[in-house]
Amino acid sequence: MDPRRAADPRLNRDPRVRDPRLARAPAPATAEQRSITPTAPVVTQQPNQPFPVTSITSTVAATTVQAPFKPRPLFCVVCASNQNRSMEAHNVLSKAGFRVTSSGTGSAVRLPGPSVDKPNIYTFGTPYDDMYQDLKNKDARLYTANGLLQMLDRNRRIKRAPEKWQENKTIVDVVITCEERCFDAVCDDLLNRGGESNRPVHVINVEIKDNHEEALIAGRAILDLAAAIEKSSDIDEEMEEILRVQQEKHPHAILHSVCFY
């Protein structure tokens, strides 16, 4: 082979070598090829900064819908004198963290005396401590034996004095009465108030005998009832089922009515 032919491109027989214009150019990319060509994102990294990582946490948090605020119900436990049954339930619910008040529907506060016909009578608003000191001075042995001093000691640790339902202007969500006559008194009082606020209140009677032992048992039953009510997402819609389950679990007869403030 003539060495001049290899050194001088003009002597090459291949016209594409002699004239670069005749060399085949690469075919242009089609529209379909251009559409599927991946384009890498440009990420700018600042000095001394960690490499940015895309996080979906903020996106998820931003799209999470929070549940609407549900206020906790306020309970009021009611018996005749705001001493034994209502205060036992008040004590149990308060210790469990519920919002609770208590009151009585009687005309006065009546506690057992030395005989059936000689009760100890006090006006509503008389401090529990005053009653405790009075009975202790009268007959400490008698009133320790029948449990009155222990009951009053518990009560004075919970609140100052017994409250009368008819004079109590606190608006509650659920009233739990401890006997039928108290249930009737509460419903009658709410009806007499006129219902001007048009705010519903559930009145539930849990029939309880007025002695210390029954009050203790019923206190646990009322705790179950309050827990079911507070757990409910809609008290008005679910109350019937709540009371049905309560009646199956506990022996106390139940009455229910919806009244209005």
Protein backbone atom coordinates (compact mmCIF):
# COMPACT_ATOMS: atom_id res chain seq x y z
CA MET A 1 0.00 0.00 0.00
CA ASP A 2 1.19 3.44 -0.95
CA PRO A 3 2.07 5.19 2.30
CA ARG A 4 1.07 8.47 0.75
CA ARG A 5 -2.53 7.25 0.42
CA ALA A 6 -2.81 6.62 4.18
CA ALA A 7 -1.16 9.93 5.09
CA ASP A 8 -3.03 12.16 2.62
CA PRO A 9 -6.82 12.00 3.01
CA ARG A 10 -7.24 13.45 -0.45
CA LEU A 11 -5.91 10.18 -1.90
CA ASN A 12 -8.47 8.09 0.04
CA ARG A 13 -11.05 6.47 -2.20
CA ASP A 14 -13.87 6.86 0.31
CA PRO A 15 -15.55 10.18 -0.60
CA ARG A 16 -16.84 10.55 3.03
CA VAL A 17 -13.29 10.67 4.24
CA ARG A 18 -12.23 13.17 1.55
CA ASP A 19 -15.23 15.53 2.24
CA PRO A 20 -16.50 15.74 5.89
CA ARG A 21 -19.78 17.20 4.66
CA LEU A 22 -20.66 13.82 3.20
CA ALA A 23 -20.28 12.02 6.53
CA ARG A 24 -23.60 10.65 7.85
CA ALA A 25 -24.97 12.75 10.70
CA PRO A 26 -26.86 11.02 13.51
CA ALA A 27 -30.63 10.90 12.97
CA PRO A 28 -32.57 13.49 15.04
CA ALA A 29 -34.57 12.11 17.97
CA THR A 30 -38.27 11.62 17.36
CA ALA A 31 -40.94 13.37 19.46
CA GLU A 32 -41.75 10.08 21.24
CA GLN A 33 -38.09 9.55 22.14
CA ARG A 34 -37.79 13.11 23.47
CA SER A 35 -40.90 12.68 25.67
CA ILE A 36 -39.54 9.63 27.48
CA THR A 37 -36.03 10.94 27.96
CA PRO A 38 -35.60 11.32 31.76
CA THR A 39 -34.51 14.69 33.01
CA ALA A 40 -32.54 14.65 36.25
CA PRO A 41 -33.54 17.36 38.73
CA VAL A 42 -30.91 19.90 39.59
CA VAL A 43 -30.25 19.95 43.33
CA THR A 44 -28.19 22.72 44.80
CA GLN A 45 -26.33 21.76 47.93
CA GLN A 46 -25.11 24.46 50.26
CA PRO A 47 -21.70 24.08 51.87
CA ASN A 48 -21.67 22.22 55.18
CA GLN A 49 -25.30 21.25 54.72
CA PRO A 50 -26.55 17.64 54.60
CA PHE A 51 -27.73 16.44 51.26
CA PRO A 52 -31.43 17.34 51.00
CA VAL A 53 -33.79 14.39 51.25
CA THR A 54 -37.37 14.69 50.08
CA SER A 55 -39.72 13.89 52.98
CA ILE A 56 -43.38 12.96 52.75
CA THR A 57 -43.95 13.47 56.46
CA SER A 58 -44.80 17.15 56.10
CA THR A 59 -47.09 16.39 53.18
CA VAL A 60 -48.96 13.75 55.15
CA ALA A 61 -49.21 16.01 58.20
CA ALA A 62 -50.50 18.86 56.07
CA THR A 63 -53.26 16.71 54.59
CA THR A 64 -54.30 15.06 57.88
CA VAL A 65 -57.75 16.25 58.97
CA GLN A 66 -58.03 16.74 62.72
CA ALA A 67 -61.13 15.45 64.51
CA PRO A 68 -63.48 18.19 65.72
CA PHE A 69 -63.10 19.21 69.36
CA LYS A 70 -65.45 17.27 71.65
CA PRO A 71 -66.03 18.88 75.05
CA ARG A 72 -66.17 16.53 78.02
CA PRO A 73 -69.64 16.20 79.59
CA LEU A 74 -70.36 17.68 83.01
CA PHE A 75 -72.18 15.28 85.35
CA CYS A 76 -74.32 16.10 88.37
CA VAL A 77 -75.20 13.33 90.82
CA VAL A 78 -78.35 13.95 92.85
CA CYS A 79 -79.89 12.36 95.92
CA ALA A 80 -82.18 13.75 98.61
CA SER A 81 -79.67 15.32 101.04
CA ASN A 82 -76.42 15.38 99.04
CA GLN A 83 -74.80 13.22 101.71
CA ASN A 84 -74.53 9.49 101.09
CA ARG A 85 -75.39 8.20 97.60
CA SER A 86 -74.66 11.33 95.56
CA MET A 87 -71.45 12.04 97.46
CA GLU A 88 -70.17 8.48 97.07
CA ALA A 89 -70.69 8.74 93.30
CA HIS A 90 -69.20 12.25 93.32
CA ASN A 91 -66.14 10.86 95.08
CA VAL A 92 -65.72 7.94 92.67
CA LEU A 93 -66.17 10.04 89.53
CA SER A 94 -63.90 12.80 90.80
CA LYS A 95 -61.10 10.36 91.56
CA ALA A 96 -61.49 8.88 88.08
CA GLY A 97 -61.00 12.32 86.53
CA PHE A 98 -64.56 13.10 85.43
CA ARG A 99 -66.10 16.56 85.53
CA VAL A 100 -68.73 16.22 88.24
CA THR A 101 -70.86 18.13 90.72
CA SER A 102 -73.54 16.92 93.16
CA SER A 103 -76.64 18.22 94.90
CA GLY A 104 -79.81 17.26 96.76
CA THR A 105 -83.51 17.75 96.05
CA GLY A 106 -84.89 17.59 99.61
CA SER A 107 -86.27 20.52 101.59
CA ALA A 108 -83.48 20.08 104.15
CA VAL A 109 -80.52 17.85 104.94
CA ARG A 110 -81.63 14.96 107.12
CA LEU A 111 -79.27 12.54 108.85
CA PRO A 112 -80.15 9.65 111.17
CA GLY A 113 -80.40 10.55 114.86
CA PRO A 114 -80.58 8.57 118.11
CA SER A 115 -84.01 7.27 117.04
CA VAL A 116 -86.11 7.11 113.88
CA ASP A 117 -88.30 10.01 114.97
CA LYS A 118 -85.36 12.22 115.98
CA PRO A 119 -83.27 12.88 112.85
CA ASN A 120 -80.52 15.47 112.71
CA ILE A 121 -81.74 18.24 110.40
CA TYR A 122 -79.57 20.91 108.77
CA THR A 123 -80.15 23.50 106.08
CA PHE A 124 -78.47 23.17 102.69
CA GLY A 125 -75.26 25.15 102.71
CA THR A 126 -74.31 24.08 106.23
CA PRO A 127 -70.65 22.99 105.94
CA TYR A 128 -69.97 19.28 106.26
CA ASP A 129 -67.34 20.09 108.85
CA ASP A 130 -69.94 21.82 111.04
CA MET A 131 -72.17 18.75 110.85
CA TYR A 132 -69.20 16.52 111.68
CA GLN A 133 -68.29 18.54 114.76
CA ASP A 134 -71.94 18.71 115.87
CA LEU A 135 -72.51 14.97 115.71
CA LYS A 136 -69.14 14.24 117.27
CA ASN A 137 -70.04 16.45 120.23
CA LYS A 138 -73.50 14.89 120.54
CA ASP A 139 -72.45 11.24 120.55
CA ALA A 140 -69.15 10.31 118.91
CA ARG A 141 -69.58 6.64 119.70
CA LEU A 142 -73.06 6.37 118.16
CA TYR A 143 -72.23 8.29 115.01
CA THR A 144 -68.98 6.43 114.51
CA ALA A 145 -70.81 3.11 114.84
CA ASN A 146 -73.44 4.01 112.23
CA GLY A 147 -70.85 5.48 109.84
CA LEU A 148 -72.06 9.10 109.83
CA LEU A 149 -68.80 10.61 111.03
CA GLN A 150 -66.81 8.68 108.43
CA MET A 151 -69.25 9.78 105.72
CA LEU A 152 -69.07 13.45 106.75
CA ASP A 153 -65.30 13.27 106.92
CA ARG A 154 -65.23 12.02 103.33
CA ASN A 155 -67.69 14.68 102.21
CA ARG A 156 -65.77 17.60 103.72
CA ARG A 157 -62.70 16.48 101.79
CA ILE A 158 -64.63 16.72 98.51
CA LYS A 159 -66.44 20.04 98.86
CA ARG A 160 -67.49 22.54 101.51
CA ALA A 161 -71.24 21.95 101.93
CA PRO A 162 -74.30 20.16 100.49
CA GLU A 163 -75.98 22.00 97.61
CA LYS A 164 -79.67 22.21 96.83
CA TRP A 165 -80.55 21.25 93.25
CA GLN A 166 -83.31 23.82 92.89
CA GLU A 167 -80.89 26.62 93.81
CA ASN A 168 -78.03 25.39 91.65
CA LYS A 169 -77.74 27.33 88.40
CA THR A 170 -74.83 25.32 86.94
CA ILE A 171 -75.75 23.94 83.51
CA VAL A 172 -74.75 20.28 83.24
CA ASP A 173 -74.93 17.73 80.43
CA VAL A 174 -76.06 14.66 82.38
CA VAL A 175 -77.93 14.40 85.68
CA ILE A 176 -77.77 11.05 87.48
CA THR A 177 -80.34 10.75 90.26
CA CYS A 178 -80.28 8.07 92.94
CA GLU A 179 -83.98 7.42 93.47
CA GLU A 180 -87.21 7.97 91.59
CA ARG A 181 -88.52 10.85 93.73
CA CYS A 182 -85.27 12.75 93.05
CA PHE A 183 -85.65 11.98 89.34
CA ASP A 184 -89.17 13.42 89.39
CA ALA A 185 -88.03 16.49 91.35
CA VAL A 186 -85.23 17.23 88.85
CA CYS A 187 -87.51 16.81 85.82
CA ASP A 188 -90.22 18.99 87.39
CA ASP A 189 -87.70 21.70 88.27
CA LEU A 190 -86.24 21.77 84.77
CA LEU A 191 -89.74 21.96 83.31
CA ASN A 192 -90.61 24.87 85.61
CA ARG A 193 -87.48 26.74 84.51
CA GLY A 194 -89.06 27.09 81.10
CA GLY A 195 -86.31 25.70 78.87
CA GLU A 196 -85.39 29.16 77.60
CA SER A 197 -81.86 28.12 76.57
CA ASN A 198 -83.24 25.13 74.65
CA ARG A 199 -80.19 23.15 75.76
CA PRO A 200 -80.85 19.43 76.28
CA VAL A 201 -79.84 17.58 79.42
CA HIS A 202 -80.13 13.83 79.95
CA VAL A 203 -81.68 12.89 83.30
CA ILE A 204 -80.99 9.28 84.31
CA ASN A 205 -82.20 7.60 87.47
CA VAL A 206 -80.18 4.77 88.99
CA GLU A 207 -82.29 3.36 91.81
CA ILE A 208 -80.12 2.97 94.94
CA LYS A 209 -81.08 2.04 98.49
CA ASP A 210 -79.97 4.70 100.96
CA ASN A 211 -77.29 2.87 102.95
CA HIS A 212 -73.51 2.88 102.87
CA GLU A 213 -73.11 -0.57 101.36
CA GLU A 214 -75.49 0.04 98.45
CA ALA A 215 -73.94 3.45 97.84
CA LEU A 216 -70.52 1.83 97.42
CA ILE A 217 -71.84 -0.71 94.93
CA ALA A 218 -73.82 1.88 92.99
CA GLY A 219 -70.81 4.20 92.86
CA ARG A 220 -68.98 1.66 90.71
CA ALA A 221 -72.05 1.23 88.50
CA ILE A 222 -72.33 4.99 87.99
CA LEU A 223 -68.64 5.06 87.10
CA ASP A 224 -69.28 2.56 84.29
CA LEU A 225 -72.24 4.63 83.11
CA ALA A 226 -70.25 7.87 83.09
CA ALA A 227 -67.38 6.21 81.22
CA ALA A 228 -69.72 4.93 78.50
CA ILE A 229 -71.35 8.35 78.14
CA GLU A 230 -68.04 10.20 77.91
CA LYS A 231 -66.70 7.69 75.37
CA SER A 232 -69.75 8.18 73.17
CA SER A 233 -69.32 10.24 70.02
CA ASP A 234 -72.98 11.32 70.08
CA ILE A 235 -74.77 11.11 73.42
CA ASP A 236 -78.21 11.80 71.95
CA GLU A 237 -77.93 9.06 69.34
CA GLU A 238 -76.23 6.44 71.50
CA MET A 239 -77.91 6.92 74.88
CA GLU A 240 -80.48 4.18 74.37
CA GLU A 241 -77.77 1.60 73.66
CA ILE A 242 -75.62 2.86 76.56
CA LEU A 243 -78.49 2.38 79.00
CA ARG A 244 -79.30 -1.06 77.59
CA VAL A 245 -75.74 -2.24 78.20
CA GLN A 246 -75.72 -0.62 81.64
CA GLN A 247 -78.90 -2.45 82.62
CA GLU A 248 -77.42 -5.78 81.53
CA LYS A 249 -74.25 -5.25 83.61
CA HIS A 250 -75.79 -3.84 86.80
CA PRO A 251 -78.93 -4.66 88.82
CA HIS A 252 -80.16 -1.09 89.40
CA ALA A 253 -83.44 -0.07 87.76
CA ILE A 254 -82.99 2.80 85.30
CA LEU A 255 -85.21 5.66 84.18
CA HIS A 256 -84.30 8.17 81.49
CA SER A 257 -85.69 11.46 80.24
CA VAL A 258 -84.42 14.34 78.12
CA CYS A 259 -85.17 17.78 79.54
CA PHE A 260 -84.09 21.28 78.57
CA TYR A 261 -82.47 24.24 80.27
